[in-house]
Amino acid sequence: MEVDRSRSTKRKRGNLPKHVTDVLRQWFEEHESHPYPTEEEKQMLIHRTGLLMSQISNWFINARRRRVPNTSCRRD
């Protein structure tokens, strides 16, 4: 019998707390024309949210992807 170890190594993905996403979303909306925080702005967001730099960066990457409508054309 084989043991599937991939299940035991998966990390549980949790959502960020509302107050954290509120801080990030507010910054994002205030900088909608250029939603790319500088290193200094990221440090401020780290201080305000308690997140890691990688979490801040990933949140902004995902937020920009969610904001931009899918412009690729699909042919059916």
PDB file of N, CA and C in Angstrom:
ATOM      1  N   MET A   1       0.842  -1.176   0.000  1.00  0.00           N
ATOM      2  CA  MET A   1       0.000   0.000   0.000  1.00  0.00           C
ATOM      3  C   MET A   1       0.891   1.245   0.000  1.00  0.00           C
ATOM      4  N   GLU A   2       0.612   2.181  -0.917  1.00  0.00           N
ATOM      5  CA  GLU A   2       1.379   3.419  -0.988  1.00  0.00           C
ATOM      6  C   GLU A   2       0.748   4.478  -0.099  1.00  0.00           C
ATOM      7  N   VAL A   3       1.609   5.304   0.466  1.00  0.00           N
ATOM      8  CA  VAL A   3       1.131   6.394   1.315  1.00  0.00           C
ATOM      9  C   VAL A   3       1.288   7.697   0.547  1.00  0.00           C
ATOM     10  N   ASP A   4       0.216   8.465   0.477  1.00  0.00           N
ATOM     11  CA  ASP A   4       0.263   9.758  -0.218  1.00  0.00           C
ATOM     12  C   ASP A   4       0.736  10.822   0.764  1.00  0.00           C
ATOM     13  N   ARG A   5       2.018  11.180   0.685  1.00  0.00           N
ATOM     14  CA  ARG A   5       2.593  12.149   1.609  1.00  0.00           C
ATOM     15  C   ARG A   5       2.295  13.592   1.213  1.00  0.00           C
ATOM     16  N   SER A   6       1.824  13.806  -0.006  1.00  0.00           N
ATOM     17  CA  SER A   6       1.573  15.175  -0.462  1.00  0.00           C
ATOM     18  C   SER A   6       0.483  15.847   0.366  1.00  0.00           C
ATOM     19  N   ARG A   7      -0.454  15.080   0.857  1.00  0.00           N
ATOM     20  CA  ARG A   7      -1.523  15.657   1.676  1.00  0.00           C
ATOM     21  C   ARG A   7      -0.994  16.164   3.005  1.00  0.00           C
ATOM     22  N   SER A   8      -0.052  15.442   3.591  1.00  0.00           N
ATOM     23  CA  SER A   8       0.452  15.823   4.903  1.00  0.00           C
ATOM     24  C   SER A   8       1.355  17.052   4.845  1.00  0.00           C
ATOM     25  N   THR A   9       1.879  17.382   3.666  1.00  0.00           N
ATOM     26  CA  THR A   9       2.773  18.529   3.567  1.00  0.00           C
ATOM     27  C   THR A   9       2.065  19.785   3.078  1.00  0.00           C
ATOM     28  N   LYS A  10       0.779  19.673   2.745  1.00  0.00           N
ATOM     29  CA  LYS A  10       0.057  20.856   2.285  1.00  0.00           C
ATOM     30  C   LYS A  10      -0.163  21.806   3.451  1.00  0.00           C
ATOM     31  N   ARG A  11      -0.031  23.078   3.159  1.00  0.00           N
ATOM     32  CA  ARG A  11      -0.278  24.091   4.175  1.00  0.00           C
ATOM     33  C   ARG A  11      -1.728  24.530   4.109  1.00  0.00           C
ATOM     34  N   LYS A  12      -2.281  24.789   5.256  1.00  0.00           N
ATOM     35  CA  LYS A  12      -3.649  25.292   5.289  1.00  0.00           C
ATOM     36  C   LYS A  12      -3.615  26.769   4.937  1.00  0.00           C
ATOM     37  N   ARG A  13      -4.430  27.147   3.978  1.00  0.00           N
ATOM     38  CA  ARG A  13      -4.482  28.533   3.547  1.00  0.00           C
ATOM     39  C   ARG A  13      -5.569  29.234   4.323  1.00  0.00           C
ATOM     40  N   GLY A  14      -5.196  30.305   5.000  1.00  0.00           N
ATOM     41  CA  GLY A  14      -6.180  31.072   5.747  1.00  0.00           C
ATOM     42  C   GLY A  14      -6.350  32.444   5.136  1.00  0.00           C
ATOM     43  N   ASN A  15      -7.508  33.013   5.336  1.00  0.00           N
ATOM     44  CA  ASN A  15      -7.740  34.371   4.871  1.00  0.00           C
ATOM     45  C   ASN A  15      -7.139  35.349   5.873  1.00  0.00           C
ATOM     46  N   LEU A  16      -6.734  36.494   5.364  1.00  0.00           N
ATOM     47  CA  LEU A  16      -6.200  37.527   6.243  1.00  0.00           C
ATOM     48  C   LEU A  16      -7.342  38.149   7.036  1.00  0.00           C
ATOM     49  N   PRO A  17      -7.048  38.625   8.250  1.00  0.00           N
ATOM     50  CA  PRO A  17      -8.089  39.289   9.043  1.00  0.00           C
ATOM     51  C   PRO A  17      -8.627  40.529   8.327  1.00  0.00           C
ATOM     52  N   LYS A  18      -9.869  40.878   8.623  1.00  0.00           N
ATOM     53  CA  LYS A  18     -10.527  41.992   7.954  1.00  0.00           C
ATOM     54  C   LYS A  18      -9.767  43.299   8.145  1.00  0.00           C
ATOM     55  N   HIS A  19      -9.274  43.577   9.357  1.00  0.00           N
ATOM     56  CA  HIS A  19      -8.570  44.846   9.578  1.00  0.00           C
ATOM     57  C   HIS A  19      -7.297  44.936   8.731  1.00  0.00           C
ATOM     58  N   VAL A  20      -6.675  43.800   8.452  1.00  0.00           N
ATOM     59  CA  VAL A  20      -5.475  43.778   7.611  1.00  0.00           C
ATOM     60  C   VAL A  20      -5.843  44.072   6.159  1.00  0.00           C
ATOM     61  N   THR A  21      -6.865  43.388   5.656  1.00  0.00           N
ATOM     62  CA  THR A  21      -7.268  43.638   4.267  1.00  0.00           C
ATOM     63  C   THR A  21      -7.822  45.044   4.102  1.00  0.00           C
ATOM     64  N   ASP A  22      -8.434  45.592   5.149  1.00  0.00           N
ATOM     65  CA  ASP A  22      -8.917  46.979   5.082  1.00  0.00           C
ATOM     66  C   ASP A  22      -7.755  47.948   4.881  1.00  0.00           C
ATOM     67  N   VAL A  23      -6.653  47.740   5.609  1.00  0.00           N
ATOM     68  CA  VAL A  23      -5.470  48.600   5.482  1.00  0.00           C
ATOM     69  C   VAL A  23      -4.892  48.485   4.079  1.00  0.00           C
ATOM     70  N   LEU A  24      -4.735  47.262   3.593  1.00  0.00           N
ATOM     71  CA  LEU A  24      -4.156  47.046   2.267  1.00  0.00           C
ATOM     72  C   LEU A  24      -5.067  47.584   1.171  1.00  0.00           C
ATOM     73  N   ARG A  25      -6.363  47.337   1.296  1.00  0.00           N
ATOM     74  CA  ARG A  25      -7.321  47.806   0.288  1.00  0.00           C
ATOM     75  C   ARG A  25      -7.374  49.337   0.251  1.00  0.00           C
ATOM     76  N   GLN A  26      -7.296  49.972   1.419  1.00  0.00           N
ATOM     77  CA  GLN A  26      -7.312  51.435   1.468  1.00  0.00           C
ATOM     78  C   GLN A  26      -6.100  52.004   0.726  1.00  0.00           C
ATOM     79  N   TRP A  27      -4.921  51.436   0.981  1.00  0.00           N
ATOM     80  CA  TRP A  27      -3.722  51.906   0.284  1.00  0.00           C
ATOM     81  C   TRP A  27      -3.894  51.695  -1.216  1.00  0.00           C
ATOM     82  N   PHE A  28      -4.383  50.530  -1.596  1.00  0.00           N
ATOM     83  CA  PHE A  28      -4.557  50.183  -3.003  1.00  0.00           C
ATOM     84  C   PHE A  28      -5.493  51.167  -3.699  1.00  0.00           C
ATOM     85  N   GLU A  29      -6.603  51.497  -3.063  1.00  0.00           N
ATOM     86  CA  GLU A  29      -7.571  52.422  -3.659  1.00  0.00           C
ATOM     87  C   GLU A  29      -7.032  53.842  -3.739  1.00  0.00           C
ATOM     88  N   GLU A  30      -6.241  54.253  -2.743  1.00  0.00           N
ATOM     89  CA  GLU A  30      -5.658  55.595  -2.750  1.00  0.00           C
ATOM     90  C   GLU A  30      -4.574  55.745  -3.819  1.00  0.00           C
ATOM     91  N   HIS A  31      -4.012  54.642  -4.272  1.00  0.00           N
ATOM     92  CA  HIS A  31      -2.930  54.655  -5.259  1.00  0.00           C
ATOM     93  C   HIS A  31      -3.340  53.891  -6.514  1.00  0.00           C
ATOM     94  N   GLU A  32      -4.613  53.997  -6.861  1.00  0.00           N
ATOM     95  CA  GLU A  32      -5.163  53.217  -7.970  1.00  0.00           C
ATOM     96  C   GLU A  32      -4.443  53.463  -9.297  1.00  0.00           C
ATOM     97  N   SER A  33      -3.969  54.689  -9.504  1.00  0.00           N
ATOM     98  CA  SER A  33      -3.295  54.991 -10.767  1.00  0.00           C
ATOM     99  C   SER A  33      -1.915  54.330 -10.866  1.00  0.00           C
ATOM    100  N   HIS A  34      -1.297  54.020  -9.722  1.00  0.00           N
ATOM    101  CA  HIS A  34       0.007  53.345  -9.707  1.00  0.00           C
ATOM    102  C   HIS A  34       0.078  52.484  -8.440  1.00  0.00           C
ATOM    103  N   PRO A  35      -0.562  51.300  -8.460  1.00  0.00           N
ATOM    104  CA  PRO A  35      -0.667  50.483  -7.244  1.00  0.00           C
ATOM    105  C   PRO A  35       0.569  49.635  -6.946  1.00  0.00           C
ATOM    106  N   TYR A  36       1.719  50.282  -6.926  1.00  0.00           N
ATOM    107  CA  TYR A  36       2.984  49.601  -6.654  1.00  0.00           C
ATOM    108  C   TYR A  36       3.665  50.302  -5.484  1.00  0.00           C
ATOM    109  N   PRO A  37       3.511  49.781  -4.261  1.00  0.00           N
ATOM    110  CA  PRO A  37       4.125  50.444  -3.107  1.00  0.00           C
ATOM    111  C   PRO A  37       5.647  50.383  -3.162  1.00  0.00           C
ATOM    112  N   THR A  38       6.270  51.477  -2.714  1.00  0.00           N
ATOM    113  CA  THR A  38       7.726  51.514  -2.611  1.00  0.00           C
ATOM    114  C   THR A  38       8.158  50.644  -1.435  1.00  0.00           C
ATOM    115  N   GLU A  39       9.445  50.431  -1.304  1.00  0.00           N
ATOM    116  CA  GLU A  39       9.957  49.656  -0.171  1.00  0.00           C
ATOM    117  C   GLU A  39       9.575  50.324   1.149  1.00  0.00           C
ATOM    118  N   GLU A  40       9.641  51.662   1.191  1.00  0.00           N
ATOM    119  CA  GLU A  40       9.279  52.393   2.404  1.00  0.00           C
ATOM    120  C   GLU A  40       7.793  52.217   2.718  1.00  0.00           C
ATOM    121  N   GLU A  41       6.966  52.264   1.685  1.00  0.00           N
ATOM    122  CA  GLU A  41       5.526  52.077   1.885  1.00  0.00           C
ATOM    123  C   GLU A  41       5.226  50.647   2.337  1.00  0.00           C
ATOM    124  N   LYS A  42       5.962  49.691   1.797  1.00  0.00           N
ATOM    125  CA  LYS A  42       5.782  48.306   2.232  1.00  0.00           C
ATOM    126  C   LYS A  42       6.160  48.153   3.702  1.00  0.00           C
ATOM    127  N   GLN A  43       7.237  48.824   4.117  1.00  0.00           N
ATOM    128  CA  GLN A  43       7.641  48.771   5.526  1.00  0.00           C
ATOM    129  C   GLN A  43       6.555  49.349   6.427  1.00  0.00           C
ATOM    130  N   MET A  44       5.931  50.445   5.982  1.00  0.00           N
ATOM    131  CA  MET A  44       4.836  51.045   6.740  1.00  0.00           C
ATOM    132  C   MET A  44       3.665  50.065   6.829  1.00  0.00           C
ATOM    133  N   LEU A  45       3.353  49.391   5.715  1.00  0.00           N
ATOM    134  CA  LEU A  45       2.258  48.422   5.709  1.00  0.00           C
ATOM    135  C   LEU A  45       2.584  47.209   6.585  1.00  0.00           C
ATOM    136  N   ILE A  46       3.836  46.790   6.601  1.00  0.00           N
ATOM    137  CA  ILE A  46       4.270  45.705   7.476  1.00  0.00           C
ATOM    138  C   ILE A  46       4.024  46.095   8.927  1.00  0.00           C
ATOM    139  N   HIS A  47       4.399  47.320   9.272  1.00  0.00           N
ATOM    140  CA  HIS A  47       4.218  47.816  10.641  1.00  0.00           C
ATOM    141  C   HIS A  47       2.738  47.874  11.015  1.00  0.00           C
ATOM    142  N   ARG A  48       1.903  48.318  10.085  1.00  0.00           N
ATOM    143  CA  ARG A  48       0.470  48.482  10.367  1.00  0.00           C
ATOM    144  C   ARG A  48      -0.300  47.168  10.365  1.00  0.00           C
ATOM    145  N   THR A  49       0.177  46.173   9.610  1.00  0.00           N
ATOM    146  CA  THR A  49      -0.581  44.925   9.475  1.00  0.00           C
ATOM    147  C   THR A  49       0.026  43.745  10.222  1.00  0.00           C
ATOM    148  N   GLY A  50       1.338  43.781  10.459  1.00  0.00           N
ATOM    149  CA  GLY A  50       2.000  42.644  11.082  1.00  0.00           C
ATOM    150  C   GLY A  50       2.308  41.514  10.114  1.00  0.00           C
ATOM    151  N   LEU A  51       2.135  41.767   8.810  1.00  0.00           N
ATOM    152  CA  LEU A  51       2.418  40.747   7.802  1.00  0.00           C
ATOM    153  C   LEU A  51       3.900  40.723   7.466  1.00  0.00           C
ATOM    154  N   LEU A  52       4.319  39.683   6.774  1.00  0.00           N
ATOM    155  CA  LEU A  52       5.674  39.588   6.248  1.00  0.00           C
ATOM    156  C   LEU A  52       5.757  40.332   4.922  1.00  0.00           C
ATOM    157  N   MET A  53       6.970  40.693   4.524  1.00  0.00           N
ATOM    158  CA  MET A  53       7.174  41.369   3.238  1.00  0.00           C
ATOM    159  C   MET A  53       6.606  40.526   2.096  1.00  0.00           C
ATOM    160  N   SER A  54       6.832  39.222   2.138  1.00  0.00           N
ATOM    161  CA  SER A  54       6.327  38.358   1.064  1.00  0.00           C
ATOM    162  C   SER A  54       4.802  38.353   1.022  1.00  0.00           C
ATOM    163  N   GLN A  55       4.154  38.431   2.177  1.00  0.00           N
ATOM    164  CA  GLN A  55       2.693  38.468   2.210  1.00  0.00           C
ATOM    165  C   GLN A  55       2.161  39.770   1.623  1.00  0.00           C
ATOM    166  N   ILE A  56       2.829  40.878   1.942  1.00  0.00           N
ATOM    167  CA  ILE A  56       2.440  42.183   1.389  1.00  0.00           C
ATOM    168  C   ILE A  56       2.589  42.142  -0.130  1.00  0.00           C
ATOM    169  N   SER A  57       3.744  41.690  -0.589  1.00  0.00           N
ATOM    170  CA  SER A  57       4.006  41.643  -2.029  1.00  0.00           C
ATOM    171  C   SER A  57       2.993  40.759  -2.745  1.00  0.00           C
ATOM    172  N   ASN A  58       2.725  39.582  -2.202  1.00  0.00           N
ATOM    173  CA  ASN A  58       1.763  38.674  -2.831  1.00  0.00           C
ATOM    174  C   ASN A  58       0.359  39.256  -2.837  1.00  0.00           C
ATOM    175  N   TRP A  59      -0.030  39.946  -1.768  1.00  0.00           N
ATOM    176  CA  TRP A  59      -1.369  40.543  -1.732  1.00  0.00           C
ATOM    177  C   TRP A  59      -1.519  41.562  -2.857  1.00  0.00           C
ATOM    178  N   PHE A  60      -0.495  42.399  -3.070  1.00  0.00           N
ATOM    179  CA  PHE A  60      -0.579  43.410  -4.123  1.00  0.00           C
ATOM    180  C   PHE A  60      -0.538  42.777  -5.517  1.00  0.00           C
ATOM    181  N   ILE A  61       0.249  41.744  -5.696  1.00  0.00           N
ATOM    182  CA  ILE A  61       0.260  41.036  -6.985  1.00  0.00           C
ATOM    183  C   ILE A  61      -1.138  40.511  -7.286  1.00  0.00           C
ATOM    184  N   ASN A  62      -1.745  39.860  -6.311  1.00  0.00           N
ATOM    185  CA  ASN A  62      -3.082  39.301  -6.511  1.00  0.00           C
ATOM    186  C   ASN A  62      -4.132  40.386  -6.684  1.00  0.00           C
ATOM    187  N   ALA A  63      -4.014  41.478  -5.944  1.00  0.00           N
ATOM    188  CA  ALA A  63      -4.990  42.571  -6.055  1.00  0.00           C
ATOM    189  C   ALA A  63      -4.932  43.205  -7.438  1.00  0.00           C
ATOM    190  N   ARG A  64      -3.720  43.380  -7.972  1.00  0.00           N
ATOM    191  CA  ARG A  64      -3.607  43.947  -9.325  1.00  0.00           C
ATOM    192  C   ARG A  64      -4.202  42.992 -10.355  1.00  0.00           C
ATOM    193  N   ARG A  65      -4.007  41.702 -10.183  1.00  0.00           N
ATOM    194  CA  ARG A  65      -4.588  40.715 -11.106  1.00  0.00           C
ATOM    195  C   ARG A  65      -6.110  40.723 -11.028  1.00  0.00           C
ATOM    196  N   ARG A  66      -6.637  40.835  -9.825  1.00  0.00           N
ATOM    197  CA  ARG A  66      -8.094  40.864  -9.662  1.00  0.00           C
ATOM    198  C   ARG A  66      -8.692  42.130 -10.251  1.00  0.00           C
ATOM    199  N   ARG A  67      -7.960  43.235 -10.178  1.00  0.00           N
ATOM    200  CA  ARG A  67      -8.467  44.522 -10.650  1.00  0.00           C
ATOM    201  C   ARG A  67      -8.535  44.577 -12.161  1.00  0.00           C
ATOM    202  N   VAL A  68      -7.545  44.049 -12.835  1.00  0.00           N
ATOM    203  CA  VAL A  68      -7.467  44.133 -14.290  1.00  0.00           C
ATOM    204  C   VAL A  68      -8.415  43.113 -14.904  1.00  0.00           C
ATOM    205  N   PRO A  69      -9.354  43.573 -15.734  1.00  0.00           N
ATOM    206  CA  PRO A  69     -10.254  42.608 -16.375  1.00  0.00           C
ATOM    207  C   PRO A  69      -9.488  41.732 -17.354  1.00  0.00           C
ATOM    208  N   ASN A  70      -9.968  40.542 -17.534  1.00  0.00           N
ATOM    209  CA  ASN A  70      -9.319  39.610 -18.452  1.00  0.00           C
ATOM    210  C   ASN A  70      -9.535  40.101 -19.880  1.00  0.00           C
ATOM    211  N   THR A  71      -8.456  40.500 -20.535  1.00  0.00           N
ATOM    212  CA  THR A  71      -8.567  41.064 -21.879  1.00  0.00           C
ATOM    213  C   THR A  71      -8.246  40.050 -22.965  1.00  0.00           C
ATOM    214  N   SER A  72      -7.873  38.842 -22.567  1.00  0.00           N
ATOM    215  CA  SER A  72      -7.564  37.843 -23.593  1.00  0.00           C
ATOM    216  C   SER A  72      -8.858  37.392 -24.256  1.00  0.00           C
ATOM    217  N   CYS A  73      -8.777  37.196 -25.536  1.00  0.00           N
ATOM    218  CA  CYS A  73      -9.951  36.771 -26.307  1.00  0.00           C
ATOM    219  C   CYS A  73      -9.949  35.254 -26.402  1.00  0.00           C
ATOM    220  N   ARG A  74     -11.095  34.676 -26.096  1.00  0.00           N
ATOM    221  CA  ARG A  74     -11.230  33.231 -26.259  1.00  0.00           C
ATOM    222  C   ARG A  74     -12.091  32.976 -27.477  1.00  0.00           C
ATOM    223  N   ARG A  75     -11.663  32.019 -28.250  1.00  0.00           N
ATOM    224  CA  ARG A  75     -12.451  31.632 -29.424  1.00  0.00           C
ATOM    225  C   ARG A  75     -13.153  30.338 -29.106  1.00  0.00           C
ATOM    226  N   ASP A  76     -14.443  30.341 -29.253  1.00  0.00           N
ATOM    227  CA  ASP A  76     -15.234  29.139 -28.948  1.00  0.00           C
ATOM    228  C   ASP A  76     -15.480  28.307 -30.172  1.00  0.00           C
TER     229      ASP A  76
END
